[in-house]
Amino acid sequence: MPTIDATALLRGASLRVTRPRVAVLTMVAENPHADTDTIATAVRRELGSVSTQAVYGVLHALTDAGLVRRIEPAGSPARFETRVGDNHHHLVCRTCGAIADVKCAVGEAPCLDAEDPRGFVLDEAEVTYWGTCPDCLARDE
């Protein structure tokens, strides 16, 4: 489990340090690819009462500040992680929905070159690999 200094990260991003922000950022760091409901439940266990809307607000602020990355695999609720800025991609299990990080597809960011970028300056490529995870494969044997 990664250890982060949530207070320092929030201050470094010029965000006010609040208990909900510290709790949400810590939860996301400790549980990569968690969805909002999972994050809210964990934050409530730590802080007591906090609304789901407050958690959404904190996740939005953390994402805007670049402290958290939001991913949205097809058919899945939004997921959040603190691994930002390295243009990594994801493996998603079609059976159980497990998500794992995988390094950039090939070479330097943005990893893939569009045949015709239509004037866009590309800085990121999002790739999602779909398949079956080892745990699900083992259960099917």
C-alpha atoms as a PDB file:
ATOM      1  CA  MET A   1       0.000   0.000   0.000  1.00  0.00           C
ATOM      2  CA  PRO A   2       1.497   3.363  -0.964  1.00  0.00           C
ATOM      3  CA  THR A   3       2.024   5.840   1.838  1.00  0.00           C
ATOM      4  CA  ILE A   4       1.302   9.445   0.955  1.00  0.00           C
ATOM      5  CA  ASP A   5       1.448  12.744   2.778  1.00  0.00           C
ATOM      6  CA  ALA A   6      -2.024  13.927   1.811  1.00  0.00           C
ATOM      7  CA  THR A   7      -1.626  17.245   3.627  1.00  0.00           C
ATOM      8  CA  ALA A   8       1.572  18.094   1.729  1.00  0.00           C
ATOM      9  CA  LEU A   9       0.044  17.026  -1.591  1.00  0.00           C
ATOM     10  CA  LEU A  10      -3.036  19.192  -1.008  1.00  0.00           C
ATOM     11  CA  ARG A  11      -0.929  22.214  -0.029  1.00  0.00           C
ATOM     12  CA  GLY A  12       1.364  21.624  -3.015  1.00  0.00           C
ATOM     13  CA  ALA A  13      -1.696  21.773  -5.276  1.00  0.00           C
ATOM     14  CA  SER A  14      -2.872  24.978  -3.540  1.00  0.00           C
ATOM     15  CA  LEU A  15      -5.925  23.213  -2.120  1.00  0.00           C
ATOM     16  CA  ARG A  16      -7.249  23.916   1.352  1.00  0.00           C
ATOM     17  CA  VAL A  17      -6.506  21.040   3.707  1.00  0.00           C
ATOM     18  CA  THR A  18      -9.745  19.604   5.103  1.00  0.00           C
ATOM     19  CA  ARG A  19     -10.477  16.319   6.834  1.00  0.00           C
ATOM     20  CA  PRO A  20     -12.649  15.057   3.945  1.00  0.00           C
ATOM     21  CA  ARG A  21      -9.959  15.910   1.365  1.00  0.00           C
ATOM     22  CA  VAL A  22      -7.246  14.191   3.384  1.00  0.00           C
ATOM     23  CA  ALA A  23      -9.468  11.139   3.937  1.00  0.00           C
ATOM     24  CA  VAL A  24     -10.519  10.851   0.278  1.00  0.00           C
ATOM     25  CA  LEU A  25      -6.990  11.327  -1.073  1.00  0.00           C
ATOM     26  CA  THR A  26      -5.605   8.781   1.386  1.00  0.00           C
ATOM     27  CA  MET A  27      -8.368   6.295   0.550  1.00  0.00           C
ATOM     28  CA  VAL A  28      -7.729   6.611  -3.193  1.00  0.00           C
ATOM     29  CA  ALA A  29      -3.975   6.135  -2.676  1.00  0.00           C
ATOM     30  CA  GLU A  30      -4.555   3.025  -0.574  1.00  0.00           C
ATOM     31  CA  ASN A  31      -7.210   1.551  -2.896  1.00  0.00           C
ATOM     32  CA  PRO A  32      -6.396   2.317  -6.527  1.00  0.00           C
ATOM     33  CA  HIS A  33      -9.282   1.976  -8.972  1.00  0.00           C
ATOM     34  CA  ALA A  34     -11.945   2.319  -6.261  1.00  0.00           C
ATOM     35  CA  ASP A  35     -15.321   3.730  -7.276  1.00  0.00           C
ATOM     36  CA  THR A  36     -17.073   6.630  -5.565  1.00  0.00           C
ATOM     37  CA  ASP A  37     -19.340   4.446  -3.409  1.00  0.00           C
ATOM     38  CA  THR A  38     -16.379   2.448  -2.101  1.00  0.00           C
ATOM     39  CA  ILE A  39     -14.465   5.648  -1.365  1.00  0.00           C
ATOM     40  CA  ALA A  40     -17.463   7.246   0.383  1.00  0.00           C
ATOM     41  CA  THR A  41     -18.034   4.162   2.550  1.00  0.00           C
ATOM     42  CA  ALA A  42     -14.379   4.102   3.654  1.00  0.00           C
ATOM     43  CA  VAL A  43     -14.350   7.841   4.340  1.00  0.00           C
ATOM     44  CA  ARG A  44     -17.516   7.529   6.450  1.00  0.00           C
ATOM     45  CA  ARG A  45     -15.860   4.770   8.496  1.00  0.00           C
ATOM     46  CA  GLU A  46     -12.973   7.131   9.188  1.00  0.00           C
ATOM     47  CA  LEU A  47     -14.770  10.455   9.643  1.00  0.00           C
ATOM     48  CA  GLY A  48     -18.306   9.522  10.552  1.00  0.00           C
ATOM     49  CA  SER A  49     -20.910  11.471   8.644  1.00  0.00           C
ATOM     50  CA  VAL A  50     -19.958  12.746   5.200  1.00  0.00           C
ATOM     51  CA  SER A  51     -22.341  13.032   2.278  1.00  0.00           C
ATOM     52  CA  THR A  52     -21.843  11.256  -1.009  1.00  0.00           C
ATOM     53  CA  GLN A  53     -22.115  14.671  -2.683  1.00  0.00           C
ATOM     54  CA  ALA A  54     -19.210  15.931  -0.555  1.00  0.00           C
ATOM     55  CA  VAL A  55     -17.109  12.958  -1.679  1.00  0.00           C
ATOM     56  CA  TYR A  56     -17.994  13.699  -5.316  1.00  0.00           C
ATOM     57  CA  GLY A  57     -16.967  17.317  -4.753  1.00  0.00           C
ATOM     58  CA  VAL A  58     -13.642  16.323  -3.229  1.00  0.00           C
ATOM     59  CA  LEU A  59     -12.922  13.843  -6.045  1.00  0.00           C
ATOM     60  CA  HIS A  60     -13.713  16.552  -8.596  1.00  0.00           C
ATOM     61  CA  ALA A  61     -11.361  19.025  -6.881  1.00  0.00           C
ATOM     62  CA  LEU A  62      -8.583  16.417  -6.596  1.00  0.00           C
ATOM     63  CA  THR A  63      -8.988  15.455 -10.253  1.00  0.00           C
ATOM     64  CA  ASP A  64      -8.943  19.104 -11.377  1.00  0.00           C
ATOM     65  CA  ALA A  65      -5.788  19.676  -9.305  1.00  0.00           C
ATOM     66  CA  GLY A  66      -4.072  16.692 -10.956  1.00  0.00           C
ATOM     67  CA  LEU A  67      -3.741  14.727  -7.714  1.00  0.00           C
ATOM     68  CA  VAL A  68      -6.169  12.016  -8.817  1.00  0.00           C
ATOM     69  CA  ARG A  69      -6.892  10.420 -12.168  1.00  0.00           C
ATOM     70  CA  ARG A  70     -10.426   9.399 -13.114  1.00  0.00           C
ATOM     71  CA  ILE A  71     -10.828   6.386 -15.377  1.00  0.00           C
ATOM     72  CA  GLU A  72     -14.074   5.069 -16.831  1.00  0.00           C
ATOM     73  CA  PRO A  73     -13.867   1.578 -18.288  1.00  0.00           C
ATOM     74  CA  ALA A  74     -16.922   0.820 -20.420  1.00  0.00           C
ATOM     75  CA  GLY A  75     -19.790  -0.569 -18.355  1.00  0.00           C
ATOM     76  CA  SER A  76     -18.150   0.437 -15.068  1.00  0.00           C
ATOM     77  CA  PRO A  77     -18.645   3.395 -12.756  1.00  0.00           C
ATOM     78  CA  ALA A  78     -15.859   5.964 -12.666  1.00  0.00           C
ATOM     79  CA  ARG A  79     -12.783   4.762 -10.816  1.00  0.00           C
ATOM     80  CA  PHE A  80     -10.032   6.842  -9.220  1.00  0.00           C
ATOM     81  CA  GLU A  81      -6.302   6.468  -8.654  1.00  0.00           C
ATOM     82  CA  THR A  82      -3.412   8.628  -7.465  1.00  0.00           C
ATOM     83  CA  ARG A  83      -1.032   7.357 -10.150  1.00  0.00           C
ATOM     84  CA  VAL A  84      -1.041  10.405 -12.399  1.00  0.00           C
ATOM     85  CA  GLY A  85       1.183  11.918 -15.048  1.00  0.00           C
ATOM     86  CA  ASP A  86       2.808   8.763 -16.400  1.00  0.00           C
ATOM     87  CA  ASN A  87       0.334   7.918 -19.179  1.00  0.00           C
ATOM     88  CA  HIS A  88      -0.076   4.311 -18.015  1.00  0.00           C
ATOM     89  CA  HIS A  89      -2.955   2.153 -19.194  1.00  0.00           C
ATOM     90  CA  HIS A  90      -5.274  -0.446 -17.661  1.00  0.00           C
ATOM     91  CA  LEU A  91      -6.157  -4.122 -17.891  1.00  0.00           C
ATOM     92  CA  VAL A  92      -9.817  -4.867 -17.122  1.00  0.00           C
ATOM     93  CA  CYS A  93     -11.249  -8.312 -16.428  1.00  0.00           C
ATOM     94  CA  ARG A  94     -14.480  -8.919 -18.355  1.00  0.00           C
ATOM     95  CA  THR A  95     -15.599 -11.447 -15.728  1.00  0.00           C
ATOM     96  CA  CYS A  96     -15.068  -9.788 -12.329  1.00  0.00           C
ATOM     97  CA  GLY A  97     -14.214  -6.200 -13.283  1.00  0.00           C
ATOM     98  CA  ALA A  98     -10.775  -6.230 -11.642  1.00  0.00           C
ATOM     99  CA  ILE A  99      -8.508  -3.448 -12.903  1.00  0.00           C
ATOM    100  CA  ALA A 100      -4.706  -3.500 -13.019  1.00  0.00           C
ATOM    101  CA  ASP A 101      -2.176  -0.947 -14.213  1.00  0.00           C
ATOM    102  CA  VAL A 102       0.063  -1.628 -17.189  1.00  0.00           C
ATOM    103  CA  LYS A 103       2.918   0.483 -18.526  1.00  0.00           C
ATOM    104  CA  CYS A 104       2.555   2.670 -21.596  1.00  0.00           C
ATOM    105  CA  ALA A 105       1.896   0.659 -24.749  1.00  0.00           C
ATOM    106  CA  VAL A 106       5.025   1.601 -26.699  1.00  0.00           C
ATOM    107  CA  GLY A 107       7.628   4.340 -26.439  1.00  0.00           C
ATOM    108  CA  GLU A 108       7.151   7.846 -25.133  1.00  0.00           C
ATOM    109  CA  ALA A 109       3.834   9.512 -24.356  1.00  0.00           C
ATOM    110  CA  PRO A 110       1.381   9.682 -25.975  1.00  0.00           C
ATOM    111  CA  CYS A 111       2.278   6.036 -26.802  1.00  0.00           C
ATOM    112  CA  LEU A 112       0.205   5.931 -29.941  1.00  0.00           C
ATOM    113  CA  ASP A 113       0.225   8.291 -32.876  1.00  0.00           C
ATOM    114  CA  ALA A 114      -3.072   9.101 -34.509  1.00  0.00           C
ATOM    115  CA  GLU A 115      -3.006   8.669 -38.268  1.00  0.00           C
ATOM    116  CA  ASP A 116      -4.620  12.101 -38.696  1.00  0.00           C
ATOM    117  CA  PRO A 117      -4.652  14.154 -35.477  1.00  0.00           C
ATOM    118  CA  ARG A 118      -6.639  16.894 -37.306  1.00  0.00           C
ATOM    119  CA  GLY A 119      -4.482  19.689 -35.914  1.00  0.00           C
ATOM    120  CA  PHE A 120      -4.572  18.443 -32.315  1.00  0.00           C
ATOM    121  CA  VAL A 121      -1.315  18.378 -30.354  1.00  0.00           C
ATOM    122  CA  LEU A 122      -1.465  14.953 -28.667  1.00  0.00           C
ATOM    123  CA  ASP A 123      -0.156  14.556 -25.122  1.00  0.00           C
ATOM    124  CA  GLU A 124      -1.909  11.407 -23.925  1.00  0.00           C
ATOM    125  CA  ALA A 125      -3.393   8.189 -25.242  1.00  0.00           C
ATOM    126  CA  GLU A 126      -5.850   6.146 -23.211  1.00  0.00           C
ATOM    127  CA  VAL A 127      -5.736   2.428 -23.819  1.00  0.00           C
ATOM    128  CA  THR A 128      -7.844  -0.178 -22.062  1.00  0.00           C
ATOM    129  CA  TYR A 129      -6.983  -3.829 -22.490  1.00  0.00           C
ATOM    130  CA  TRP A 130      -9.885  -6.232 -21.894  1.00  0.00           C
ATOM    131  CA  GLY A 131      -9.583  -9.900 -21.001  1.00  0.00           C
ATOM    132  CA  THR A 132      -9.856 -12.365 -18.129  1.00  0.00           C
ATOM    133  CA  CYS A 133      -7.765 -12.024 -14.984  1.00  0.00           C
ATOM    134  CA  PRO A 134      -5.740 -14.934 -13.545  1.00  0.00           C
ATOM    135  CA  ASP A 135      -8.173 -15.432 -10.628  1.00  0.00           C
ATOM    136  CA  CYS A 136     -11.156 -15.824 -12.969  1.00  0.00           C
ATOM    137  CA  LEU A 137      -9.191 -18.114 -15.273  1.00  0.00           C
ATOM    138  CA  ALA A 138      -8.304 -20.327 -12.295  1.00  0.00           C
ATOM    139  CA  ARG A 139     -11.976 -20.505 -11.212  1.00  0.00           C
ATOM    140  CA  ASP A 140     -13.016 -21.594 -14.706  1.00  0.00           C
ATOM    141  CA  GLU A 141     -10.603 -24.545 -14.783  1.00  0.00           C
END
